[in-house]
Amino acid sequence: MPDGILIIDKPSGWTSMDVCAKVRGILRERRVGHGGTLDPMATGVLPVFVGRATRAVEFAEKGRKEYVAGLRLGITTNTQDTTGEVLEERPAAVSRELVEAALNRFLGDIQQIPPMYSAIKVNGQKLYELARKGQEVERSPRSVTIYELELLEQTGEAEYTFRCLCSKGTYIRTLCHDIGRFLGCGGAMSSLRRTMAAGFTLEQAVTLEDVQQRSEALLLPTDSLFTAYPALPLQSDTAERRVRCGNPIPLPGTADGTYRIYSREGQFLCLSRAERGTLTSIKNFFGA
């Protein structure tokens, strides 16, 4: 059965789950999940995990993400992007310099109120389901981090594109909305392309058409998600048996930290944590 990671360049108009369903059909593997939802209007990097690699989804969702977004000033919408209903229009008499200054105000740790059109649940109901019924509920602010925010170009009188490197949970739509509010003219996201997620970039991304044609040949190995951690090959069959049984193993002299653990034959077994000379599994990726 296929195991590994596909880096899909998600097409506009598809949900992230639509992409997973398509991959599930192509590869004939029911275990398929993605590492970080993209809105239907968005395109770009969507890591899709297949087979045993689905065990790694939780690690992919936690990482930093990078986007190139379109910002349209002068409008406020109910979805915080240009696909929604326009609630208000105002003159956007701001200069590029003012927009750059506004972006700088959003660098670092900030608070965001999640948009109503999101999959966050309140009292067991998804916000977007309530929004579609015309309901609005109070949402608690969430802490997110904007590591880099760079104005790329002005594409129209009130249209800009910017690059954003941010933490998990950041809503770029909300960032556009908040920038517009800060400038006093309103703002909405007009486009979104994710250029990096979970350490994977657009240069590694393939289309669904590519997957249709080349299938499993495009799968990256599961351990490609963890290249930031050093590799640690086991030196004995006894150590490997203990790892496969879920038991800690003593490895005196091993520096504390997280490691990719491999069998003596080079098979990726698990992600483990070394602490005070003892190696303990964080997540296993080997078969039964």
C-alpha atoms as a PDB file:
ATOM      1  CA  MET A   1       0.000   0.000   0.000  1.00  0.00           C
ATOM      2  CA  PRO A   2       1.265   3.534  -0.726  1.00  0.00           C
ATOM      3  CA  ASP A   3       2.861   5.508   2.101  1.00  0.00           C
ATOM      4  CA  GLY A   4       4.329   8.986   1.956  1.00  0.00           C
ATOM      5  CA  ILE A   5       3.673  12.676   1.392  1.00  0.00           C
ATOM      6  CA  LEU A   6       2.405  14.507  -1.685  1.00  0.00           C
ATOM      7  CA  ILE A   7       3.015  18.232  -1.890  1.00  0.00           C
ATOM      8  CA  ILE A   8       0.008  19.374  -3.897  1.00  0.00           C
ATOM      9  CA  ASP A   9      -0.295  22.777  -5.552  1.00  0.00           C
ATOM     10  CA  LYS A  10      -3.951  23.170  -4.608  1.00  0.00           C
ATOM     11  CA  PRO A  11      -6.104  24.635  -7.382  1.00  0.00           C
ATOM     12  CA  SER A  12      -8.517  27.478  -6.707  1.00  0.00           C
ATOM     13  CA  GLY A  13     -12.113  26.423  -6.116  1.00  0.00           C
ATOM     14  CA  TRP A  14     -11.198  23.174  -4.368  1.00  0.00           C
ATOM     15  CA  THR A  15     -11.452  22.574  -0.635  1.00  0.00           C
ATOM     16  CA  SER A  16      -8.553  20.833   1.067  1.00  0.00           C
ATOM     17  CA  MET A  17     -10.821  17.828   1.645  1.00  0.00           C
ATOM     18  CA  ASP A  18     -11.717  17.789  -2.074  1.00  0.00           C
ATOM     19  CA  VAL A  19      -8.006  17.352  -2.793  1.00  0.00           C
ATOM     20  CA  CYS A  20      -7.748  14.515  -0.269  1.00  0.00           C
ATOM     21  CA  ALA A  21     -10.757  12.793  -1.815  1.00  0.00           C
ATOM     22  CA  LYS A  22      -9.188  13.039  -5.279  1.00  0.00           C
ATOM     23  CA  VAL A  23      -5.878  11.603  -4.038  1.00  0.00           C
ATOM     24  CA  ARG A  24      -7.762   8.853  -2.213  1.00  0.00           C
ATOM     25  CA  GLY A  25      -9.384   7.833  -5.496  1.00  0.00           C
ATOM     26  CA  ILE A  26      -6.200   7.997  -7.559  1.00  0.00           C
ATOM     27  CA  LEU A  27      -4.034   6.006  -5.138  1.00  0.00           C
ATOM     28  CA  ARG A  28      -6.845   3.709  -3.932  1.00  0.00           C
ATOM     29  CA  GLU A  29      -5.839   4.352  -0.331  1.00  0.00           C
ATOM     30  CA  ARG A  30      -8.457   5.384   2.223  1.00  0.00           C
ATOM     31  CA  ARG A  31      -5.922   6.789   4.714  1.00  0.00           C
ATOM     32  CA  VAL A  32      -5.358  10.281   3.317  1.00  0.00           C
ATOM     33  CA  GLY A  33      -5.164  13.544   5.268  1.00  0.00           C
ATOM     34  CA  HIS A  34      -3.790  17.048   4.813  1.00  0.00           C
ATOM     35  CA  GLY A  35      -1.477  19.224   6.882  1.00  0.00           C
ATOM     36  CA  GLY A  36      -3.254  22.566   7.140  1.00  0.00           C
ATOM     37  CA  THR A  37      -6.524  23.743   5.588  1.00  0.00           C
ATOM     38  CA  LEU A  38      -6.555  26.182   2.673  1.00  0.00           C
ATOM     39  CA  ASP A  39      -9.696  28.146   1.813  1.00  0.00           C
ATOM     40  CA  PRO A  40     -11.318  27.205  -1.538  1.00  0.00           C
ATOM     41  CA  MET A  41     -10.183  30.477  -3.166  1.00  0.00           C
ATOM     42  CA  ALA A  42      -6.569  29.869  -2.090  1.00  0.00           C
ATOM     43  CA  THR A  43      -3.919  28.024  -4.064  1.00  0.00           C
ATOM     44  CA  GLY A  44      -0.486  26.655  -3.278  1.00  0.00           C
ATOM     45  CA  VAL A  45       1.288  24.263  -0.966  1.00  0.00           C
ATOM     46  CA  LEU A  46      -0.968  21.613   0.584  1.00  0.00           C
ATOM     47  CA  PRO A  47       0.936  18.682   2.139  1.00  0.00           C
ATOM     48  CA  VAL A  48      -1.176  15.528   1.707  1.00  0.00           C
ATOM     49  CA  PHE A  49      -0.317  12.468   3.782  1.00  0.00           C
ATOM     50  CA  VAL A  50      -0.976   8.969   2.522  1.00  0.00           C
ATOM     51  CA  GLY A  51      -1.095   5.617   4.331  1.00  0.00           C
ATOM     52  CA  ARG A  52       1.044   5.330   7.467  1.00  0.00           C
ATOM     53  CA  ALA A  53       2.304   8.864   6.810  1.00  0.00           C
ATOM     54  CA  THR A  54      -1.068  10.176   8.081  1.00  0.00           C
ATOM     55  CA  ARG A  55       0.410   9.663  11.549  1.00  0.00           C
ATOM     56  CA  ALA A  56       2.584  12.712  10.806  1.00  0.00           C
ATOM     57  CA  VAL A  57      -0.261  15.150  10.069  1.00  0.00           C
ATOM     58  CA  GLU A  58      -0.214  16.586  13.595  1.00  0.00           C
ATOM     59  CA  PHE A  59       3.430  17.618  13.171  1.00  0.00           C
ATOM     60  CA  ALA A  60       2.805  19.300   9.815  1.00  0.00           C
ATOM     61  CA  GLU A  61      -0.028  21.422  11.180  1.00  0.00           C
ATOM     62  CA  LYS A  62       2.166  22.930  13.909  1.00  0.00           C
ATOM     63  CA  GLY A  63       4.825  24.477  11.686  1.00  0.00           C
ATOM     64  CA  ARG A  64       5.281  27.954  10.234  1.00  0.00           C
ATOM     65  CA  LYS A  65       3.550  28.840   6.994  1.00  0.00           C
ATOM     66  CA  GLU A  66       4.311  31.401   4.293  1.00  0.00           C
ATOM     67  CA  TYR A  67       1.806  33.126   2.022  1.00  0.00           C
ATOM     68  CA  VAL A  68       1.630  35.683  -0.746  1.00  0.00           C
ATOM     69  CA  ALA A  69      -1.665  37.522  -0.395  1.00  0.00           C
ATOM     70  CA  GLY A  70      -3.617  40.175  -2.240  1.00  0.00           C
ATOM     71  CA  LEU A  71      -5.007  43.058  -0.180  1.00  0.00           C
ATOM     72  CA  ARG A  72      -7.818  45.201  -1.512  1.00  0.00           C
ATOM     73  CA  LEU A  73      -8.363  48.382   0.476  1.00  0.00           C
ATOM     74  CA  GLY A  74     -11.604  50.343   0.642  1.00  0.00           C
ATOM     75  CA  ILE A  75     -14.017  47.457   1.244  1.00  0.00           C
ATOM     76  CA  THR A  76     -15.209  45.377   4.178  1.00  0.00           C
ATOM     77  CA  THR A  77     -16.923  42.033   3.550  1.00  0.00           C
ATOM     78  CA  ASN A  78     -18.697  39.455   5.693  1.00  0.00           C
ATOM     79  CA  THR A  79     -16.080  36.808   4.850  1.00  0.00           C
ATOM     80  CA  GLN A  80     -13.073  39.159   5.101  1.00  0.00           C
ATOM     81  CA  ASP A  81     -12.200  38.290   1.499  1.00  0.00           C
ATOM     82  CA  THR A  82     -13.501  39.420  -1.882  1.00  0.00           C
ATOM     83  CA  THR A  83     -15.735  36.362  -2.328  1.00  0.00           C
ATOM     84  CA  GLY A  84     -18.088  37.655   0.350  1.00  0.00           C
ATOM     85  CA  GLU A  85     -20.866  40.207   0.554  1.00  0.00           C
ATOM     86  CA  VAL A  86     -19.610  43.784   0.634  1.00  0.00           C
ATOM     87  CA  LEU A  87     -20.746  45.391   3.885  1.00  0.00           C
ATOM     88  CA  GLU A  88     -19.088  48.780   3.487  1.00  0.00           C
ATOM     89  CA  GLU A  89     -17.068  50.767   0.956  1.00  0.00           C
ATOM     90  CA  ARG A  90     -14.845  53.718   1.738  1.00  0.00           C
ATOM     91  CA  PRO A  91     -12.309  55.781  -0.185  1.00  0.00           C
ATOM     92  CA  ALA A  92      -8.849  54.238   0.165  1.00  0.00           C
ATOM     93  CA  ALA A  93      -6.813  57.443   0.100  1.00  0.00           C
ATOM     94  CA  VAL A  94      -3.624  55.884   1.460  1.00  0.00           C
ATOM     95  CA  SER A  95      -0.112  55.808   0.057  1.00  0.00           C
ATOM     96  CA  ARG A  96       2.198  52.833  -0.338  1.00  0.00           C
ATOM     97  CA  GLU A  97       4.262  54.250   2.531  1.00  0.00           C
ATOM     98  CA  LEU A  98       1.224  54.230   4.830  1.00  0.00           C
ATOM     99  CA  VAL A  99       0.456  50.637   3.885  1.00  0.00           C
ATOM    100  CA  GLU A 100       4.048  49.617   4.634  1.00  0.00           C
ATOM    101  CA  ALA A 101       3.870  51.369   7.993  1.00  0.00           C
ATOM    102  CA  ALA A 102       0.593  49.578   8.764  1.00  0.00           C
ATOM    103  CA  LEU A 103       2.117  46.188   7.985  1.00  0.00           C
ATOM    104  CA  ASN A 104       4.939  46.879  10.440  1.00  0.00           C
ATOM    105  CA  ARG A 105       2.364  47.352  13.207  1.00  0.00           C
ATOM    106  CA  PHE A 106       1.301  43.714  12.804  1.00  0.00           C
ATOM    107  CA  LEU A 107       4.736  42.127  13.181  1.00  0.00           C
ATOM    108  CA  GLY A 108       5.396  39.863  16.172  1.00  0.00           C
ATOM    109  CA  ASP A 109       2.873  38.402  18.599  1.00  0.00           C
ATOM    110  CA  ILE A 110      -0.621  39.684  17.858  1.00  0.00           C
ATOM    111  CA  GLN A 111      -4.218  38.899  18.786  1.00  0.00           C
ATOM    112  CA  GLN A 112      -6.704  37.836  16.122  1.00  0.00           C
ATOM    113  CA  ILE A 113     -10.441  37.346  16.453  1.00  0.00           C
ATOM    114  CA  PRO A 114     -11.234  34.332  14.221  1.00  0.00           C
ATOM    115  CA  PRO A 115     -13.618  35.140  11.347  1.00  0.00           C
ATOM    116  CA  MET A 116     -17.178  33.889  11.426  1.00  0.00           C
ATOM    117  CA  TYR A 117     -16.521  32.114   8.142  1.00  0.00           C
ATOM    118  CA  SER A 118     -14.117  29.563   9.650  1.00  0.00           C
ATOM    119  CA  ALA A 119     -14.246  25.935  10.778  1.00  0.00           C
ATOM    120  CA  ILE A 120     -13.673  26.762  14.453  1.00  0.00           C
ATOM    121  CA  LYS A 121     -16.366  25.274  16.669  1.00  0.00           C
ATOM    122  CA  VAL A 122     -18.321  27.207  19.297  1.00  0.00           C
ATOM    123  CA  ASN A 123     -20.623  25.111  21.474  1.00  0.00           C
ATOM    124  CA  GLY A 124     -20.206  22.218  19.053  1.00  0.00           C
ATOM    125  CA  GLN A 125     -21.144  24.183  15.930  1.00  0.00           C
ATOM    126  CA  LYS A 126     -18.784  25.353  13.209  1.00  0.00           C
ATOM    127  CA  LEU A 127     -18.705  29.113  12.884  1.00  0.00           C
ATOM    128  CA  TYR A 128     -19.281  29.083   9.129  1.00  0.00           C
ATOM    129  CA  GLU A 129     -22.475  27.086   9.614  1.00  0.00           C
ATOM    130  CA  LEU A 130     -23.771  29.767  11.965  1.00  0.00           C
ATOM    131  CA  ALA A 131     -22.590  32.531   9.612  1.00  0.00           C
ATOM    132  CA  ARG A 132     -24.527  31.015   6.717  1.00  0.00           C
ATOM    133  CA  LYS A 133     -27.663  31.258   8.863  1.00  0.00           C
ATOM    134  CA  GLY A 134     -26.959  34.943   9.399  1.00  0.00           C
ATOM    135  CA  GLN A 135     -25.861  34.434  13.006  1.00  0.00           C
ATOM    136  CA  GLU A 136     -22.827  35.975  14.645  1.00  0.00           C
ATOM    137  CA  VAL A 137     -21.418  34.814  17.974  1.00  0.00           C
ATOM    138  CA  GLU A 138     -18.730  36.175  20.251  1.00  0.00           C
ATOM    139  CA  ARG A 139     -15.278  34.761  19.528  1.00  0.00           C
ATOM    140  CA  SER A 140     -12.310  34.873  21.870  1.00  0.00           C
ATOM    141  CA  PRO A 141      -9.110  36.461  20.519  1.00  0.00           C
ATOM    142  CA  ARG A 142      -6.295  34.061  19.701  1.00  0.00           C
ATOM    143  CA  SER A 143      -2.567  34.654  19.920  1.00  0.00           C
ATOM    144  CA  VAL A 144      -0.624  34.192  16.681  1.00  0.00           C
ATOM    145  CA  THR A 145       2.825  35.281  15.562  1.00  0.00           C
ATOM    146  CA  ILE A 146       3.750  37.173  12.394  1.00  0.00           C
ATOM    147  CA  TYR A 147       7.456  36.515  11.847  1.00  0.00           C
ATOM    148  CA  GLU A 148       7.860  38.415   8.571  1.00  0.00           C
ATOM    149  CA  LEU A 149       5.532  40.784   6.723  1.00  0.00           C
ATOM    150  CA  GLU A 150       6.775  42.307   3.493  1.00  0.00           C
ATOM    151  CA  LEU A 151       4.932  44.550   1.041  1.00  0.00           C
ATOM    152  CA  LEU A 152       5.764  43.212  -2.421  1.00  0.00           C
ATOM    153  CA  GLU A 153       4.032  45.525  -4.876  1.00  0.00           C
ATOM    154  CA  GLN A 154       1.149  47.832  -5.554  1.00  0.00           C
ATOM    155  CA  THR A 155      -0.961  46.277  -8.298  1.00  0.00           C
ATOM    156  CA  GLY A 156      -3.716  48.890  -8.520  1.00  0.00           C
ATOM    157  CA  GLU A 157      -4.969  52.113  -6.982  1.00  0.00           C
ATOM    158  CA  ALA A 158      -6.018  50.299  -3.807  1.00  0.00           C
ATOM    159  CA  GLU A 159      -4.561  46.831  -4.476  1.00  0.00           C
ATOM    160  CA  TYR A 160      -1.395  45.431  -2.914  1.00  0.00           C
ATOM    161  CA  THR A 161       0.361  42.111  -2.535  1.00  0.00           C
ATOM    162  CA  PHE A 162       2.381  41.125   0.505  1.00  0.00           C
ATOM    163  CA  ARG A 163       4.341  38.143   1.793  1.00  0.00           C
ATOM    164  CA  CYS A 164       3.635  36.794   5.264  1.00  0.00           C
ATOM    165  CA  LEU A 165       5.545  34.213   7.319  1.00  0.00           C
ATOM    166  CA  CYS A 166       3.382  33.272  10.278  1.00  0.00           C
ATOM    167  CA  SER A 167       2.545  30.734  12.955  1.00  0.00           C
ATOM    168  CA  LYS A 168      -0.084  28.046  12.956  1.00  0.00           C
ATOM    169  CA  GLY A 169      -3.614  29.390  13.302  1.00  0.00           C
ATOM    170  CA  THR A 170      -3.039  32.720  11.545  1.00  0.00           C
ATOM    171  CA  TYR A 171      -5.928  33.868   9.364  1.00  0.00           C
ATOM    172  CA  ILE A 172      -4.589  35.914   6.451  1.00  0.00           C
ATOM    173  CA  ARG A 173      -8.144  37.063   5.709  1.00  0.00           C
ATOM    174  CA  THR A 174      -8.364  38.496   9.202  1.00  0.00           C
ATOM    175  CA  LEU A 175      -4.936  40.085   8.833  1.00  0.00           C
ATOM    176  CA  CYS A 176      -6.149  41.887   5.679  1.00  0.00           C
ATOM    177  CA  HIS A 177      -9.337  42.941   7.462  1.00  0.00           C
ATOM    178  CA  ASP A 178      -7.374  44.261  10.450  1.00  0.00           C
ATOM    179  CA  ILE A 179      -4.863  46.138   8.269  1.00  0.00           C
ATOM    180  CA  GLY A 180      -7.754  47.839   6.469  1.00  0.00           C
ATOM    181  CA  ARG A 181      -9.398  48.734   9.762  1.00  0.00           C
ATOM    182  CA  PHE A 182      -6.101  50.151  11.065  1.00  0.00           C
ATOM    183  CA  LEU A 183      -5.831  52.316   7.950  1.00  0.00           C
ATOM    184  CA  GLY A 184      -9.420  53.504   8.456  1.00  0.00           C
ATOM    185  CA  CYS A 185     -10.676  52.463   5.021  1.00  0.00           C
ATOM    186  CA  GLY A 186     -11.420  48.767   5.418  1.00  0.00           C
ATOM    187  CA  GLY A 187      -9.713  45.891   3.666  1.00  0.00           C
ATOM    188  CA  ALA A 188     -10.296  42.392   2.351  1.00  0.00           C
ATOM    189  CA  MET A 189      -8.154  39.583   1.019  1.00  0.00           C
ATOM    190  CA  SER A 190      -8.349  39.410  -2.775  1.00  0.00           C
ATOM    191  CA  SER A 191      -6.077  36.403  -3.377  1.00  0.00           C
ATOM    192  CA  LEU A 192      -4.016  33.896  -1.417  1.00  0.00           C
ATOM    193  CA  ARG A 193      -1.209  31.579  -2.414  1.00  0.00           C
ATOM    194  CA  ARG A 194       0.615  29.467   0.158  1.00  0.00           C
ATOM    195  CA  THR A 195       4.271  29.250  -0.740  1.00  0.00           C
ATOM    196  CA  MET A 196       5.505  27.155   2.189  1.00  0.00           C
ATOM    197  CA  ALA A 197       4.004  24.790   4.746  1.00  0.00           C
ATOM    198  CA  ALA A 198       5.644  22.237   7.041  1.00  0.00           C
ATOM    199  CA  GLY A 199       8.999  23.089   5.482  1.00  0.00           C
ATOM    200  CA  PHE A 200       7.805  22.177   1.969  1.00  0.00           C
ATOM    201  CA  THR A 201       7.830  24.823  -0.775  1.00  0.00           C
ATOM    202  CA  LEU A 202       6.162  25.511  -4.108  1.00  0.00           C
ATOM    203  CA  GLU A 203       9.259  24.185  -5.893  1.00  0.00           C
ATOM    204  CA  GLN A 204       8.354  20.722  -4.538  1.00  0.00           C
ATOM    205  CA  ALA A 205       4.648  20.976  -5.333  1.00  0.00           C
ATOM    206  CA  VAL A 206       2.881  18.941  -8.002  1.00  0.00           C
ATOM    207  CA  THR A 207      -0.560  19.279  -9.557  1.00  0.00           C
ATOM    208  CA  LEU A 208      -3.409  16.810  -9.268  1.00  0.00           C
ATOM    209  CA  GLU A 209      -2.899  16.125 -12.973  1.00  0.00           C
ATOM    210  CA  ASP A 210       0.686  15.108 -12.176  1.00  0.00           C
ATOM    211  CA  VAL A 211      -0.576  12.721  -9.518  1.00  0.00           C
ATOM    212  CA  GLN A 212      -3.113  11.288 -11.954  1.00  0.00           C
ATOM    213  CA  GLN A 213      -0.317  10.546 -14.430  1.00  0.00           C
ATOM    214  CA  ARG A 214       2.548   9.478 -12.146  1.00  0.00           C
ATOM    215  CA  SER A 215       0.702   8.270  -9.064  1.00  0.00           C
ATOM    216  CA  GLU A 216       2.888   6.807  -6.279  1.00  0.00           C
ATOM    217  CA  ALA A 217       6.120   7.878  -7.992  1.00  0.00           C
ATOM    218  CA  LEU A 218       5.540  11.401  -6.640  1.00  0.00           C
ATOM    219  CA  LEU A 219       5.300  10.360  -2.986  1.00  0.00           C
ATOM    220  CA  LEU A 220       7.998  11.802  -0.745  1.00  0.00           C
ATOM    221  CA  PRO A 221       9.146   9.605   2.163  1.00  0.00           C
ATOM    222  CA  THR A 222       7.529  10.309   5.520  1.00  0.00           C
ATOM    223  CA  ASP A 223      10.850  11.246   7.110  1.00  0.00           C
ATOM    224  CA  SER A 224      11.174  14.188   4.675  1.00  0.00           C
ATOM    225  CA  LEU A 225       8.897  16.051   7.099  1.00  0.00           C
ATOM    226  CA  PHE A 226      11.482  15.714   9.862  1.00  0.00           C
ATOM    227  CA  THR A 227      14.741  16.718   8.166  1.00  0.00           C
ATOM    228  CA  ALA A 228      15.254  19.449  10.784  1.00  0.00           C
ATOM    229  CA  TYR A 229      16.054  16.675  13.285  1.00  0.00           C
ATOM    230  CA  PRO A 230      19.295  14.642  13.183  1.00  0.00           C
ATOM    231  CA  ALA A 231      19.200  11.019  12.020  1.00  0.00           C
ATOM    232  CA  LEU A 232      20.081   8.330  14.562  1.00  0.00           C
ATOM    233  CA  PRO A 233      20.573   4.775  13.229  1.00  0.00           C
ATOM    234  CA  LEU A 234      20.215   1.965  15.763  1.00  0.00           C
ATOM    235  CA  GLN A 235      23.276  -0.189  16.216  1.00  0.00           C
ATOM    236  CA  SER A 236      21.729  -3.518  17.217  1.00  0.00           C
ATOM    237  CA  ASP A 237      18.763  -5.787  16.519  1.00  0.00           C
ATOM    238  CA  THR A 238      17.988  -5.733  20.242  1.00  0.00           C
ATOM    239  CA  ALA A 239      17.574  -1.950  20.204  1.00  0.00           C
ATOM    240  CA  GLU A 240      15.347  -2.185  17.145  1.00  0.00           C
ATOM    241  CA  ARG A 241      13.151  -4.841  18.784  1.00  0.00           C
ATOM    242  CA  ARG A 242      12.742  -2.642  21.844  1.00  0.00           C
ATOM    243  CA  VAL A 243      11.768   0.338  19.675  1.00  0.00           C
ATOM    244  CA  ARG A 244       9.253  -1.773  17.750  1.00  0.00           C
ATOM    245  CA  CYS A 245       7.739  -2.914  21.049  1.00  0.00           C
ATOM    246  CA  GLY A 246       7.423   0.673  22.233  1.00  0.00           C
ATOM    247  CA  ASN A 247      10.033   0.370  24.962  1.00  0.00           C
ATOM    248  CA  PRO A 248      12.575   3.071  25.881  1.00  0.00           C
ATOM    249  CA  ILE A 249      16.175   2.168  25.155  1.00  0.00           C
ATOM    250  CA  PRO A 250      19.307   3.322  26.957  1.00  0.00           C
ATOM    251  CA  LEU A 251      21.719   5.292  24.767  1.00  0.00           C
ATOM    252  CA  PRO A 252      24.334   6.748  27.125  1.00  0.00           C
ATOM    253  CA  GLY A 253      26.130   9.800  25.789  1.00  0.00           C
ATOM    254  CA  THR A 254      23.329  10.797  23.393  1.00  0.00           C
ATOM    255  CA  ALA A 255      22.652  14.527  23.570  1.00  0.00           C
ATOM    256  CA  ASP A 256      19.164  15.509  24.669  1.00  0.00           C
ATOM    257  CA  GLY A 257      16.881  16.327  21.745  1.00  0.00           C
ATOM    258  CA  THR A 258      14.565  14.966  19.065  1.00  0.00           C
ATOM    259  CA  TYR A 259      15.863  12.415  16.532  1.00  0.00           C
ATOM    260  CA  ARG A 260      14.806  10.501  13.428  1.00  0.00           C
ATOM    261  CA  ILE A 261      15.357   6.849  14.323  1.00  0.00           C
ATOM    262  CA  TYR A 262      16.371   4.310  11.650  1.00  0.00           C
ATOM    263  CA  SER A 263      16.922   0.563  11.620  1.00  0.00           C
ATOM    264  CA  ARG A 264      20.338  -0.810  10.694  1.00  0.00           C
ATOM    265  CA  GLU A 265      18.918  -1.383   7.183  1.00  0.00           C
ATOM    266  CA  GLY A 266      17.973   2.298   6.905  1.00  0.00           C
ATOM    267  CA  GLN A 267      14.213   2.020   7.467  1.00  0.00           C
ATOM    268  CA  PHE A 268      12.663   5.057   9.146  1.00  0.00           C
ATOM    269  CA  LEU A 269      11.112   3.761  12.358  1.00  0.00           C
ATOM    270  CA  CYS A 270      10.011   6.677  14.495  1.00  0.00           C
ATOM    271  CA  LEU A 271      10.538  10.143  15.834  1.00  0.00           C
ATOM    272  CA  SER A 272      12.031   9.909  19.316  1.00  0.00           C
ATOM    273  CA  ARG A 273      13.181  12.054  22.182  1.00  0.00           C
ATOM    274  CA  ALA A 274      16.528  11.520  23.928  1.00  0.00           C
ATOM    275  CA  GLU A 275      16.690  12.665  27.517  1.00  0.00           C
ATOM    276  CA  ARG A 276      19.403  11.876  30.063  1.00  0.00           C
ATOM    277  CA  GLY A 277      20.706   8.982  27.986  1.00  0.00           C
ATOM    278  CA  THR A 278      17.339   7.315  27.364  1.00  0.00           C
ATOM    279  CA  LEU A 279      15.527   7.253  24.022  1.00  0.00           C
ATOM    280  CA  THR A 280      11.723   7.322  24.091  1.00  0.00           C
ATOM    281  CA  SER A 281       9.442   7.182  21.059  1.00  0.00           C
ATOM    282  CA  ILE A 282       7.281  10.215  20.246  1.00  0.00           C
ATOM    283  CA  LYS A 283       5.551   8.679  17.206  1.00  0.00           C
ATOM    284  CA  ASN A 284       6.068   5.392  15.359  1.00  0.00           C
ATOM    285  CA  PHE A 285       5.937   5.096  11.573  1.00  0.00           C
ATOM    286  CA  PHE A 286       6.777   1.432  10.979  1.00  0.00           C
ATOM    287  CA  GLY A 287       4.271  -1.200   9.916  1.00  0.00           C
ATOM    288  CA  ALA A 288       2.919  -3.987  12.088  1.00  0.00           C
END
